[in-house]
Amino acid sequence: ELANIRSKFKGDKALDGYSKKKYVCKLLFIFLLGHDIDFGHMEAVNLLSSNRYTEKQIGYLFISVLVNSNSELIRLINNAIKNDLASRNPTFMGLALHCIASVGSREMAEAFAGEIPKVLVAGDTMDSVKQSAALCLLLGATCSMTSNLGVVTAATSLITTLAQKNPEEFKTSVSLAVSRLSRIVTSASTDLQDYTYYFVPAPWLSVKLLRLLQCYPPPDPAVRGRLTECLETILNKAQEPPKSKKVQHSNAKNAVLFEAISLIIHHDRCVGCLCTGSRCGRVRKPFLRDYVNCCQRSFSLEDGGPGSCVSRCLRLCRLSSWPSC
């Protein structure tokens, strides 16, 4: 069958769209059966320019499954995707966004970094397309979690904003955020260690990650355990002698500490999940009192109701020890 399909593609007679779709679909099926496919890629790319949904769908499906991120055809694919995104046809736009998310190459991320946000915020974009665009942005952001501090910080800000508006759609960001935070606060890791501000590694990114994690309780036990280790490390570092007497050091250190405490307080309805008696329960009351004093100086008395951050922190201060899970 492979020889027959190859002969059809190389034949003198030009194939119409239906025939290309049929043979490309056969190649895809043969590949899914476990056989190697080394041809038919260009025919699949040609299907992307079709105005028929079924032909375009098979072309995108073939590319999403068989074309890797380093393929020489990426530029041709990008041109076809741009045309579909500009067509304002919701069906074609959805296929294009799914392809971007499936292939997920760096070249695609760079090519459509400015296009996808426009699709997301456009007033005439259908909700289903906006959902695909948001998920595509999330994947692009997480794939862009490189060693560049600016890229990671911007991606975290984007994910946090989207998670606050659509929490169910961005649950997968929890494990990624915990993993990144763990690599920052762990001394054995070299992740972003070059971005150290007065002996504090990437303090602004750490704060943003902790703030993102306040959108969700960590559901997975492994993720929950890793987050507990991160919080314990932050609290233990806060008790170490300062490495610098400059105010910038204490400000950066306390910013991360206070955001970690805010995360603990935010989930105080599930204290056992994050603050076991043997681990995060080691935080000393003076740190909580410092946090309360800082909050009291920063907030007006009207913000001090029973459900306020200050009040909850005071309740935690009264605990002699936190219960274990």
C-alpha atoms as a PDB file:
ATOM      1  CA  GLU A   1       0.000   0.000   0.000  1.00  0.00           C
ATOM      2  CA  LEU A   2       2.888   2.359   0.775  1.00  0.00           C
ATOM      3  CA  ALA A   3       4.356   1.707  -2.678  1.00  0.00           C
ATOM      4  CA  ASN A   4       0.987   2.396  -4.271  1.00  0.00           C
ATOM      5  CA  ILE A   5       0.583   5.694  -2.401  1.00  0.00           C
ATOM      6  CA  ARG A   6       4.129   6.728  -3.288  1.00  0.00           C
ATOM      7  CA  SER A   7       3.469   6.047  -6.967  1.00  0.00           C
ATOM      8  CA  LYS A   8       0.292   8.143  -6.831  1.00  0.00           C
ATOM      9  CA  PHE A   9       2.185  11.087  -5.348  1.00  0.00           C
ATOM     10  CA  LYS A  10       4.982  10.797  -7.921  1.00  0.00           C
ATOM     11  CA  GLY A  11       2.721  10.151 -10.895  1.00  0.00           C
ATOM     12  CA  ASP A  12       2.368  12.498 -13.836  1.00  0.00           C
ATOM     13  CA  LYS A  13      -1.315  13.020 -13.145  1.00  0.00           C
ATOM     14  CA  ALA A  14      -2.002  15.755 -10.611  1.00  0.00           C
ATOM     15  CA  LEU A  15      -4.132  14.608  -7.705  1.00  0.00           C
ATOM     16  CA  ASP A  16      -7.220  16.510  -6.700  1.00  0.00           C
ATOM     17  CA  GLY A  17      -7.897  17.526  -3.115  1.00  0.00           C
ATOM     18  CA  TYR A  18     -10.015  14.481  -2.333  1.00  0.00           C
ATOM     19  CA  SER A  19      -7.335  12.055  -3.548  1.00  0.00           C
ATOM     20  CA  LYS A  20      -4.618  13.841  -1.571  1.00  0.00           C
ATOM     21  CA  LYS A  21      -6.792  13.728   1.522  1.00  0.00           C
ATOM     22  CA  LYS A  22      -7.482  10.013   1.021  1.00  0.00           C
ATOM     23  CA  TYR A  23      -3.837   9.030   0.616  1.00  0.00           C
ATOM     24  CA  VAL A  24      -2.588  11.306   3.407  1.00  0.00           C
ATOM     25  CA  CYS A  25      -5.226   9.800   5.688  1.00  0.00           C
ATOM     26  CA  LYS A  26      -4.024   6.311   4.752  1.00  0.00           C
ATOM     27  CA  LEU A  27      -0.443   7.302   5.577  1.00  0.00           C
ATOM     28  CA  LEU A  28      -1.565   8.595   8.950  1.00  0.00           C
ATOM     29  CA  PHE A  29      -3.379   5.329   9.670  1.00  0.00           C
ATOM     30  CA  ILE A  30      -0.352   3.273   8.623  1.00  0.00           C
ATOM     31  CA  PHE A  31       1.847   5.369  10.906  1.00  0.00           C
ATOM     32  CA  LEU A  32      -0.517   4.802  13.832  1.00  0.00           C
ATOM     33  CA  LEU A  33      -0.228   1.061  13.176  1.00  0.00           C
ATOM     34  CA  GLY A  34       3.479   1.359  13.948  1.00  0.00           C
ATOM     35  CA  HIS A  35       5.095   1.717  10.525  1.00  0.00           C
ATOM     36  CA  ASP A  36       7.592   4.440   9.647  1.00  0.00           C
ATOM     37  CA  ILE A  37       6.448   7.095   7.171  1.00  0.00           C
ATOM     38  CA  ASP A  38       9.107   9.072   5.292  1.00  0.00           C
ATOM     39  CA  PHE A  39       7.001  10.754   2.602  1.00  0.00           C
ATOM     40  CA  GLY A  40       3.684  12.526   2.165  1.00  0.00           C
ATOM     41  CA  HIS A  41       4.577  15.504   4.332  1.00  0.00           C
ATOM     42  CA  MET A  42       4.486  18.025   1.500  1.00  0.00           C
ATOM     43  CA  GLU A  43       1.134  16.691   0.307  1.00  0.00           C
ATOM     44  CA  ALA A  44      -0.211  17.207   3.824  1.00  0.00           C
ATOM     45  CA  VAL A  45       1.090  20.785   3.827  1.00  0.00           C
ATOM     46  CA  ASN A  46      -0.638  21.383   0.491  1.00  0.00           C
ATOM     47  CA  LEU A  47      -3.932  20.306   2.048  1.00  0.00           C
ATOM     48  CA  LEU A  48      -3.689  23.235   4.463  1.00  0.00           C
ATOM     49  CA  SER A  49      -4.414  25.667   1.635  1.00  0.00           C
ATOM     50  CA  SER A  50      -7.684  23.925   0.777  1.00  0.00           C
ATOM     51  CA  ASN A  51     -10.977  25.668   1.453  1.00  0.00           C
ATOM     52  CA  ARG A  52     -12.668  22.359   2.265  1.00  0.00           C
ATOM     53  CA  TYR A  53     -12.860  21.576   5.954  1.00  0.00           C
ATOM     54  CA  THR A  54     -12.253  17.819   5.651  1.00  0.00           C
ATOM     55  CA  GLU A  55      -9.140  18.294   3.519  1.00  0.00           C
ATOM     56  CA  LYS A  56      -7.722  20.977   5.791  1.00  0.00           C
ATOM     57  CA  GLN A  57      -8.542  18.865   8.853  1.00  0.00           C
ATOM     58  CA  ILE A  58      -6.620  15.830   7.573  1.00  0.00           C
ATOM     59  CA  GLY A  59      -3.679  18.045   6.648  1.00  0.00           C
ATOM     60  CA  TYR A  60      -3.497  19.549  10.127  1.00  0.00           C
ATOM     61  CA  LEU A  61      -3.993  16.146  11.747  1.00  0.00           C
ATOM     62  CA  PHE A  62      -1.122  14.637   9.752  1.00  0.00           C
ATOM     63  CA  ILE A  63       1.161  17.550  10.616  1.00  0.00           C
ATOM     64  CA  SER A  64       0.245  17.477  14.309  1.00  0.00           C
ATOM     65  CA  VAL A  65       1.111  13.776  14.540  1.00  0.00           C
ATOM     66  CA  LEU A  66       4.021  13.264  12.142  1.00  0.00           C
ATOM     67  CA  VAL A  67       5.807  16.607  11.806  1.00  0.00           C
ATOM     68  CA  ASN A  68       8.331  17.329  14.544  1.00  0.00           C
ATOM     69  CA  SER A  69       9.322  20.763  15.788  1.00  0.00           C
ATOM     70  CA  ASN A  70      12.594  20.736  13.816  1.00  0.00           C
ATOM     71  CA  SER A  71      11.071  19.936  10.435  1.00  0.00           C
ATOM     72  CA  GLU A  72      12.146  21.936   7.398  1.00  0.00           C
ATOM     73  CA  LEU A  73       8.465  22.400   6.570  1.00  0.00           C
ATOM     74  CA  ILE A  74       7.729  24.514   9.648  1.00  0.00           C
ATOM     75  CA  ARG A  75       7.955  27.779   7.718  1.00  0.00           C
ATOM     76  CA  LEU A  76       5.502  26.585   5.085  1.00  0.00           C
ATOM     77  CA  ILE A  77       3.191  25.372   7.838  1.00  0.00           C
ATOM     78  CA  ASN A  78       3.477  28.721   9.611  1.00  0.00           C
ATOM     79  CA  ASN A  79       2.398  30.565   6.469  1.00  0.00           C
ATOM     80  CA  ALA A  80      -0.685  28.358   6.151  1.00  0.00           C
ATOM     81  CA  ILE A  81      -1.521  28.856   9.828  1.00  0.00           C
ATOM     82  CA  LYS A  82      -1.219  32.638   9.484  1.00  0.00           C
ATOM     83  CA  ASN A  83      -3.648  32.578   6.587  1.00  0.00           C
ATOM     84  CA  ASP A  84      -6.162  30.565   8.602  1.00  0.00           C
ATOM     85  CA  LEU A  85      -5.850  32.830  11.643  1.00  0.00           C
ATOM     86  CA  ALA A  86      -6.412  35.855   9.418  1.00  0.00           C
ATOM     87  CA  SER A  87      -9.413  34.273   7.696  1.00  0.00           C
ATOM     88  CA  ARG A  88     -11.670  34.892  10.742  1.00  0.00           C
ATOM     89  CA  ASN A  89     -13.304  31.547   9.949  1.00  0.00           C
ATOM     90  CA  PRO A  90     -13.787  30.046  13.432  1.00  0.00           C
ATOM     91  CA  THR A  91     -13.447  26.472  12.175  1.00  0.00           C
ATOM     92  CA  PHE A  92     -10.189  27.151  10.342  1.00  0.00           C
ATOM     93  CA  MET A  93      -8.883  29.239  13.246  1.00  0.00           C
ATOM     94  CA  GLY A  94      -9.580  26.380  15.644  1.00  0.00           C
ATOM     95  CA  LEU A  95      -7.681  23.905  13.466  1.00  0.00           C
ATOM     96  CA  ALA A  96      -4.726  26.295  13.222  1.00  0.00           C
ATOM     97  CA  LEU A  97      -4.588  26.870  16.999  1.00  0.00           C
ATOM     98  CA  HIS A  98      -4.759  23.142  17.698  1.00  0.00           C
ATOM     99  CA  CYS A  99      -1.850  22.585  15.332  1.00  0.00           C
ATOM    100  CA  ILE A 100       0.241  25.258  17.069  1.00  0.00           C
ATOM    101  CA  ALA A 101      -0.420  23.635  20.439  1.00  0.00           C
ATOM    102  CA  SER A 102       0.328  20.134  19.134  1.00  0.00           C
ATOM    103  CA  VAL A 103       3.595  20.919  17.347  1.00  0.00           C
ATOM    104  CA  GLY A 104       4.724  23.470  19.917  1.00  0.00           C
ATOM    105  CA  SER A 105       8.030  24.380  18.288  1.00  0.00           C
ATOM    106  CA  ARG A 106      10.054  27.397  19.368  1.00  0.00           C
ATOM    107  CA  GLU A 107       9.808  28.822  15.845  1.00  0.00           C
ATOM    108  CA  MET A 108       6.017  28.578  16.010  1.00  0.00           C
ATOM    109  CA  ALA A 109       5.965  30.224  19.430  1.00  0.00           C
ATOM    110  CA  GLU A 110       7.994  33.139  18.100  1.00  0.00           C
ATOM    111  CA  ALA A 111       5.971  33.386  14.878  1.00  0.00           C
ATOM    112  CA  PHE A 112       2.587  33.555  16.596  1.00  0.00           C
ATOM    113  CA  ALA A 113       3.455  35.275  19.866  1.00  0.00           C
ATOM    114  CA  GLY A 114       1.747  38.415  18.612  1.00  0.00           C
ATOM    115  CA  GLU A 115      -1.072  36.757  16.684  1.00  0.00           C
ATOM    116  CA  ILE A 116      -2.640  34.543  19.348  1.00  0.00           C
ATOM    117  CA  PRO A 117      -3.223  37.316  21.945  1.00  0.00           C
ATOM    118  CA  LYS A 118      -5.017  39.329  19.242  1.00  0.00           C
ATOM    119  CA  VAL A 119      -7.298  36.371  18.586  1.00  0.00           C
ATOM    120  CA  LEU A 120      -7.946  36.019  22.310  1.00  0.00           C
ATOM    121  CA  VAL A 121      -8.998  39.635  22.892  1.00  0.00           C
ATOM    122  CA  ALA A 122     -10.777  40.294  19.581  1.00  0.00           C
ATOM    123  CA  GLY A 123     -14.423  41.145  20.126  1.00  0.00           C
ATOM    124  CA  ASP A 124     -15.658  39.122  17.153  1.00  0.00           C
ATOM    125  CA  THR A 125     -13.834  35.924  18.137  1.00  0.00           C
ATOM    126  CA  MET A 126     -16.119  33.049  19.121  1.00  0.00           C
ATOM    127  CA  ASP A 127     -15.822  31.674  22.648  1.00  0.00           C
ATOM    128  CA  SER A 128     -14.631  28.270  21.433  1.00  0.00           C
ATOM    129  CA  VAL A 129     -11.805  29.916  19.498  1.00  0.00           C
ATOM    130  CA  LYS A 130     -10.912  32.089  22.501  1.00  0.00           C
ATOM    131  CA  GLN A 131     -10.685  28.968  24.631  1.00  0.00           C
ATOM    132  CA  SER A 132      -8.311  27.361  22.130  1.00  0.00           C
ATOM    133  CA  ALA A 133      -6.254  30.556  21.966  1.00  0.00           C
ATOM    134  CA  ALA A 134      -6.001  30.746  25.765  1.00  0.00           C
ATOM    135  CA  LEU A 135      -4.871  27.127  26.057  1.00  0.00           C
ATOM    136  CA  CYS A 136      -2.440  27.673  23.196  1.00  0.00           C
ATOM    137  CA  LEU A 137      -0.979  30.684  25.003  1.00  0.00           C
ATOM    138  CA  LEU A 138      -0.664  28.647  28.175  1.00  0.00           C
ATOM    139  CA  LEU A 139       1.214  25.902  26.382  1.00  0.00           C
ATOM    140  CA  GLY A 140       3.445  28.444  24.664  1.00  0.00           C
ATOM    141  CA  ALA A 141       4.157  30.115  27.969  1.00  0.00           C
ATOM    142  CA  THR A 142       5.021  26.878  29.729  1.00  0.00           C
ATOM    143  CA  CYS A 143       7.175  25.762  26.803  1.00  0.00           C
ATOM    144  CA  SER A 144       8.959  29.094  27.043  1.00  0.00           C
ATOM    145  CA  MET A 145      10.001  28.432  30.634  1.00  0.00           C
ATOM    146  CA  THR A 146      13.610  28.961  29.670  1.00  0.00           C
ATOM    147  CA  SER A 147      16.481  30.310  31.731  1.00  0.00           C
ATOM    148  CA  ASN A 148      15.601  33.859  30.685  1.00  0.00           C
ATOM    149  CA  LEU A 149      14.160  35.631  33.713  1.00  0.00           C
ATOM    150  CA  GLY A 150      12.111  38.099  31.682  1.00  0.00           C
ATOM    151  CA  VAL A 151      10.423  35.382  29.635  1.00  0.00           C
ATOM    152  CA  VAL A 152       9.599  33.277  32.687  1.00  0.00           C
ATOM    153  CA  THR A 153       8.308  36.242  34.698  1.00  0.00           C
ATOM    154  CA  ALA A 154       6.113  37.477  31.854  1.00  0.00           C
ATOM    155  CA  ALA A 155       4.752  33.974  31.272  1.00  0.00           C
ATOM    156  CA  THR A 156       3.939  33.602  34.963  1.00  0.00           C
ATOM    157  CA  SER A 157       2.077  36.915  34.984  1.00  0.00           C
ATOM    158  CA  LEU A 158       0.071  35.828  31.947  1.00  0.00           C
ATOM    159  CA  ILE A 159      -0.825  32.449  33.427  1.00  0.00           C
ATOM    160  CA  THR A 160      -1.814  34.012  36.758  1.00  0.00           C
ATOM    161  CA  THR A 161      -4.183  36.465  35.087  1.00  0.00           C
ATOM    162  CA  LEU A 162      -5.749  33.771  32.937  1.00  0.00           C
ATOM    163  CA  ALA A 163      -6.014  31.362  35.879  1.00  0.00           C
ATOM    164  CA  GLN A 164      -7.887  33.925  37.943  1.00  0.00           C
ATOM    165  CA  LYS A 165     -10.496  34.271  35.196  1.00  0.00           C
ATOM    166  CA  ASN A 166     -10.629  30.649  34.036  1.00  0.00           C
ATOM    167  CA  PRO A 167      -9.336  28.493  36.907  1.00  0.00           C
ATOM    168  CA  GLU A 168     -10.541  25.174  35.510  1.00  0.00           C
ATOM    169  CA  GLU A 169      -8.666  25.668  32.243  1.00  0.00           C
ATOM    170  CA  PHE A 170      -5.276  26.269  33.842  1.00  0.00           C
ATOM    171  CA  LYS A 171      -5.016  23.627  36.556  1.00  0.00           C
ATOM    172  CA  THR A 172      -2.020  22.118  34.795  1.00  0.00           C
ATOM    173  CA  SER A 173      -0.006  25.218  35.650  1.00  0.00           C
ATOM    174  CA  VAL A 174       0.182  24.159  39.323  1.00  0.00           C
ATOM    175  CA  SER A 175       2.744  21.395  38.875  1.00  0.00           C
ATOM    176  CA  LEU A 176       4.809  23.565  36.516  1.00  0.00           C
ATOM    177  CA  ALA A 177       4.819  26.472  38.972  1.00  0.00           C
ATOM    178  CA  VAL A 178       5.810  24.231  41.883  1.00  0.00           C
ATOM    179  CA  SER A 179       8.567  22.656  39.813  1.00  0.00           C
ATOM    180  CA  ARG A 180       9.984  26.047  38.827  1.00  0.00           C
ATOM    181  CA  LEU A 181       9.721  27.379  42.382  1.00  0.00           C
ATOM    182  CA  SER A 182      11.490  24.310  43.714  1.00  0.00           C
ATOM    183  CA  ARG A 183      14.364  24.789  41.297  1.00  0.00           C
ATOM    184  CA  ILE A 184      14.714  28.420  42.382  1.00  0.00           C
ATOM    185  CA  VAL A 185      14.670  28.021  46.157  1.00  0.00           C
ATOM    186  CA  THR A 186      16.684  24.797  46.309  1.00  0.00           C
ATOM    187  CA  SER A 187      20.340  25.537  46.836  1.00  0.00           C
ATOM    188  CA  ALA A 188      21.384  22.422  44.915  1.00  0.00           C
ATOM    189  CA  SER A 189      19.718  23.735  41.758  1.00  0.00           C
ATOM    190  CA  THR A 190      21.326  26.170  39.331  1.00  0.00           C
ATOM    191  CA  ASP A 191      18.039  27.309  37.798  1.00  0.00           C
ATOM    192  CA  LEU A 192      18.046  31.120  37.471  1.00  0.00           C
ATOM    193  CA  GLN A 193      20.852  31.341  40.004  1.00  0.00           C
ATOM    194  CA  ASP A 194      22.461  33.970  37.771  1.00  0.00           C
ATOM    195  CA  TYR A 195      19.497  36.241  38.518  1.00  0.00           C
ATOM    196  CA  THR A 196      20.335  36.834  42.161  1.00  0.00           C
ATOM    197  CA  TYR A 197      19.312  40.103  43.780  1.00  0.00           C
ATOM    198  CA  TYR A 198      21.381  40.762  46.894  1.00  0.00           C
ATOM    199  CA  PHE A 199      21.873  37.032  47.565  1.00  0.00           C
ATOM    200  CA  VAL A 200      18.195  36.215  46.901  1.00  0.00           C
ATOM    201  CA  PRO A 201      17.641  34.194  43.679  1.00  0.00           C
ATOM    202  CA  ALA A 202      14.924  35.621  41.417  1.00  0.00           C
ATOM    203  CA  PRO A 203      12.817  37.146  44.224  1.00  0.00           C
ATOM    204  CA  TRP A 204      10.214  38.761  41.940  1.00  0.00           C
ATOM    205  CA  LEU A 205       9.613  35.544  40.043  1.00  0.00           C
ATOM    206  CA  SER A 206       9.350  33.607  43.307  1.00  0.00           C
ATOM    207  CA  VAL A 207       6.692  36.042  44.507  1.00  0.00           C
ATOM    208  CA  LYS A 208       4.735  35.675  41.266  1.00  0.00           C
ATOM    209  CA  LEU A 209       4.889  31.883  41.420  1.00  0.00           C
ATOM    210  CA  LEU A 210       3.686  31.855  45.025  1.00  0.00           C
ATOM    211  CA  ARG A 211       0.885  34.203  44.030  1.00  0.00           C
ATOM    212  CA  LEU A 212      -0.101  31.919  41.162  1.00  0.00           C
ATOM    213  CA  LEU A 213      -0.255  28.949  43.518  1.00  0.00           C
ATOM    214  CA  GLN A 214      -2.782  30.816  45.650  1.00  0.00           C
ATOM    215  CA  CYS A 215      -5.276  30.283  42.827  1.00  0.00           C
ATOM    216  CA  TYR A 216      -5.312  26.534  43.471  1.00  0.00           C
ATOM    217  CA  PRO A 217      -4.809  24.102  46.308  1.00  0.00           C
ATOM    218  CA  PRO A 218      -2.220  21.516  45.215  1.00  0.00           C
ATOM    219  CA  PRO A 219      -4.316  18.389  44.571  1.00  0.00           C
ATOM    220  CA  ASP A 220      -1.636  15.874  43.723  1.00  0.00           C
ATOM    221  CA  PRO A 221       0.196  14.401  46.753  1.00  0.00           C
ATOM    222  CA  ALA A 222       3.569  14.534  45.006  1.00  0.00           C
ATOM    223  CA  VAL A 223       3.080  18.171  44.009  1.00  0.00           C
ATOM    224  CA  ARG A 224       1.782  18.980  47.482  1.00  0.00           C
ATOM    225  CA  GLY A 225       4.863  17.413  49.045  1.00  0.00           C
ATOM    226  CA  ARG A 226       7.204  19.329  46.774  1.00  0.00           C
ATOM    227  CA  LEU A 227       5.411  22.593  47.532  1.00  0.00           C
ATOM    228  CA  THR A 228       5.684  21.863  51.258  1.00  0.00           C
ATOM    229  CA  GLU A 229       9.437  21.414  50.814  1.00  0.00           C
ATOM    230  CA  CYS A 230       9.638  24.754  49.001  1.00  0.00           C
ATOM    231  CA  LEU A 231       7.761  26.543  51.780  1.00  0.00           C
ATOM    232  CA  GLU A 232       9.887  24.869  54.427  1.00  0.00           C
ATOM    233  CA  THR A 233      13.054  25.962  52.615  1.00  0.00           C
ATOM    234  CA  ILE A 234      11.828  29.556  52.379  1.00  0.00           C
ATOM    235  CA  LEU A 235      10.914  29.625  56.068  1.00  0.00           C
ATOM    236  CA  ASN A 236      14.211  28.066  57.110  1.00  0.00           C
ATOM    237  CA  LYS A 237      16.191  30.553  55.017  1.00  0.00           C
ATOM    238  CA  ALA A 238      14.292  33.371  56.700  1.00  0.00           C
ATOM    239  CA  GLN A 239      15.715  32.241  60.044  1.00  0.00           C
ATOM    240  CA  GLU A 240      19.312  32.250  58.802  1.00  0.00           C
ATOM    241  CA  PRO A 241      21.573  35.220  59.583  1.00  0.00           C
ATOM    242  CA  PRO A 242      21.348  37.871  56.845  1.00  0.00           C
ATOM    243  CA  LYS A 243      24.025  37.647  54.172  1.00  0.00           C
ATOM    244  CA  SER A 244      24.007  41.414  53.749  1.00  0.00           C
ATOM    245  CA  LYS A 245      23.169  44.372  55.944  1.00  0.00           C
ATOM    246  CA  LYS A 246      21.740  46.329  53.044  1.00  0.00           C
ATOM    247  CA  VAL A 247      18.031  47.017  53.028  1.00  0.00           C
ATOM    248  CA  GLN A 248      17.696  45.587  49.505  1.00  0.00           C
ATOM    249  CA  HIS A 249      18.632  42.160  50.832  1.00  0.00           C
ATOM    250  CA  SER A 250      16.074  42.204  53.617  1.00  0.00           C
ATOM    251  CA  ASN A 251      13.383  43.585  51.319  1.00  0.00           C
ATOM    252  CA  ALA A 252      13.877  40.850  48.724  1.00  0.00           C
ATOM    253  CA  LYS A 253      14.133  38.137  51.358  1.00  0.00           C
ATOM    254  CA  ASN A 254      11.029  39.314  53.200  1.00  0.00           C
ATOM    255  CA  ALA A 255       9.045  39.695  49.977  1.00  0.00           C
ATOM    256  CA  VAL A 256       9.450  35.988  49.268  1.00  0.00           C
ATOM    257  CA  LEU A 257       8.857  35.091  52.927  1.00  0.00           C
ATOM    258  CA  PHE A 258       5.674  37.118  53.242  1.00  0.00           C
ATOM    259  CA  GLU A 259       4.269  35.735  49.995  1.00  0.00           C
ATOM    260  CA  ALA A 260       5.008  32.215  51.227  1.00  0.00           C
ATOM    261  CA  ILE A 261       3.150  32.983  54.455  1.00  0.00           C
ATOM    262  CA  SER A 262       0.318  34.456  52.405  1.00  0.00           C
ATOM    263  CA  LEU A 263       0.085  31.177  50.503  1.00  0.00           C
ATOM    264  CA  ILE A 264      -0.075  29.254  53.781  1.00  0.00           C
ATOM    265  CA  ILE A 265      -2.725  31.607  55.141  1.00  0.00           C
ATOM    266  CA  HIS A 266      -4.685  31.466  51.908  1.00  0.00           C
ATOM    267  CA  HIS A 267      -5.056  27.730  52.403  1.00  0.00           C
ATOM    268  CA  ASP A 268      -5.515  27.804  56.163  1.00  0.00           C
ATOM    269  CA  ARG A 269      -8.861  26.093  55.655  1.00  0.00           C
ATOM    270  CA  CYS A 270      -6.713  23.149  54.571  1.00  0.00           C
ATOM    271  CA  VAL A 271      -3.823  23.753  56.966  1.00  0.00           C
ATOM    272  CA  GLY A 272      -2.890  20.102  57.081  1.00  0.00           C
ATOM    273  CA  CYS A 273      -2.216  20.105  53.349  1.00  0.00           C
ATOM    274  CA  LEU A 274       0.574  22.666  53.432  1.00  0.00           C
ATOM    275  CA  CYS A 275       1.551  23.154  57.046  1.00  0.00           C
ATOM    276  CA  THR A 276       2.211  19.877  58.764  1.00  0.00           C
ATOM    277  CA  GLY A 277       3.446  19.917  62.298  1.00  0.00           C
ATOM    278  CA  SER A 278       6.794  18.434  61.324  1.00  0.00           C
ATOM    279  CA  ARG A 279       7.559  20.650  58.357  1.00  0.00           C
ATOM    280  CA  CYS A 280       6.044  24.051  57.628  1.00  0.00           C
ATOM    281  CA  GLY A 281       4.877  24.138  61.221  1.00  0.00           C
ATOM    282  CA  ARG A 282       8.447  25.001  62.134  1.00  0.00           C
ATOM    283  CA  VAL A 283       7.851  28.599  61.167  1.00  0.00           C
ATOM    284  CA  ARG A 284       8.471  30.716  64.230  1.00  0.00           C
ATOM    285  CA  LYS A 285       5.854  33.048  65.624  1.00  0.00           C
ATOM    286  CA  PRO A 286       8.137  36.102  65.348  1.00  0.00           C
ATOM    287  CA  PHE A 287       7.983  35.832  61.560  1.00  0.00           C
ATOM    288  CA  LEU A 288       4.198  35.749  61.646  1.00  0.00           C
ATOM    289  CA  ARG A 289       4.169  38.692  64.050  1.00  0.00           C
ATOM    290  CA  ASP A 290       6.495  40.603  61.715  1.00  0.00           C
ATOM    291  CA  TYR A 291       4.103  39.839  58.901  1.00  0.00           C
ATOM    292  CA  VAL A 292       1.151  41.081  60.938  1.00  0.00           C
ATOM    293  CA  ASN A 293       2.998  44.275  61.865  1.00  0.00           C
ATOM    294  CA  CYS A 294       3.859  44.855  58.216  1.00  0.00           C
ATOM    295  CA  CYS A 295       0.235  44.282  57.184  1.00  0.00           C
ATOM    296  CA  GLN A 296      -1.057  46.567  59.917  1.00  0.00           C
ATOM    297  CA  ARG A 297       1.233  49.329  58.713  1.00  0.00           C
ATOM    298  CA  SER A 298       0.213  48.763  55.101  1.00  0.00           C
ATOM    299  CA  PHE A 299      -3.559  48.345  55.428  1.00  0.00           C
ATOM    300  CA  SER A 300      -6.217  50.562  56.950  1.00  0.00           C
ATOM    301  CA  LEU A 301      -8.308  49.428  59.898  1.00  0.00           C
ATOM    302  CA  GLU A 302     -11.238  48.826  57.543  1.00  0.00           C
ATOM    303  CA  ASP A 303      -9.310  45.937  56.022  1.00  0.00           C
ATOM    304  CA  GLY A 304      -8.953  44.208  59.357  1.00  0.00           C
ATOM    305  CA  GLY A 305     -12.193  42.228  59.355  1.00  0.00           C
ATOM    306  CA  PRO A 306     -12.489  38.604  60.484  1.00  0.00           C
ATOM    307  CA  GLY A 307     -11.634  37.278  57.046  1.00  0.00           C
ATOM    308  CA  SER A 308      -8.725  39.600  56.377  1.00  0.00           C
ATOM    309  CA  CYS A 309      -5.153  38.483  55.896  1.00  0.00           C
ATOM    310  CA  VAL A 310      -4.156  40.149  59.181  1.00  0.00           C
ATOM    311  CA  SER A 311      -6.878  38.417  61.183  1.00  0.00           C
ATOM    312  CA  ARG A 312      -6.079  35.011  59.744  1.00  0.00           C
ATOM    313  CA  CYS A 313      -2.410  35.524  60.468  1.00  0.00           C
ATOM    314  CA  LEU A 314      -3.244  36.448  64.058  1.00  0.00           C
ATOM    315  CA  ARG A 315      -5.195  33.222  64.378  1.00  0.00           C
ATOM    316  CA  LEU A 316      -2.192  31.271  63.159  1.00  0.00           C
ATOM    317  CA  CYS A 317       0.028  33.128  65.620  1.00  0.00           C
ATOM    318  CA  ARG A 318      -2.107  31.808  68.457  1.00  0.00           C
ATOM    319  CA  LEU A 319      -1.491  28.220  67.401  1.00  0.00           C
ATOM    320  CA  SER A 320       1.228  26.579  69.434  1.00  0.00           C
ATOM    321  CA  SER A 321       1.645  23.959  66.745  1.00  0.00           C
ATOM    322  CA  TRP A 322      -0.102  23.177  63.485  1.00  0.00           C
ATOM    323  CA  PRO A 323      -1.882  19.853  63.149  1.00  0.00           C
ATOM    324  CA  SER A 324      -0.466  17.210  60.938  1.00  0.00           C
ATOM    325  CA  CYS A 325      -2.382  15.731  58.002  1.00  0.00           C
END
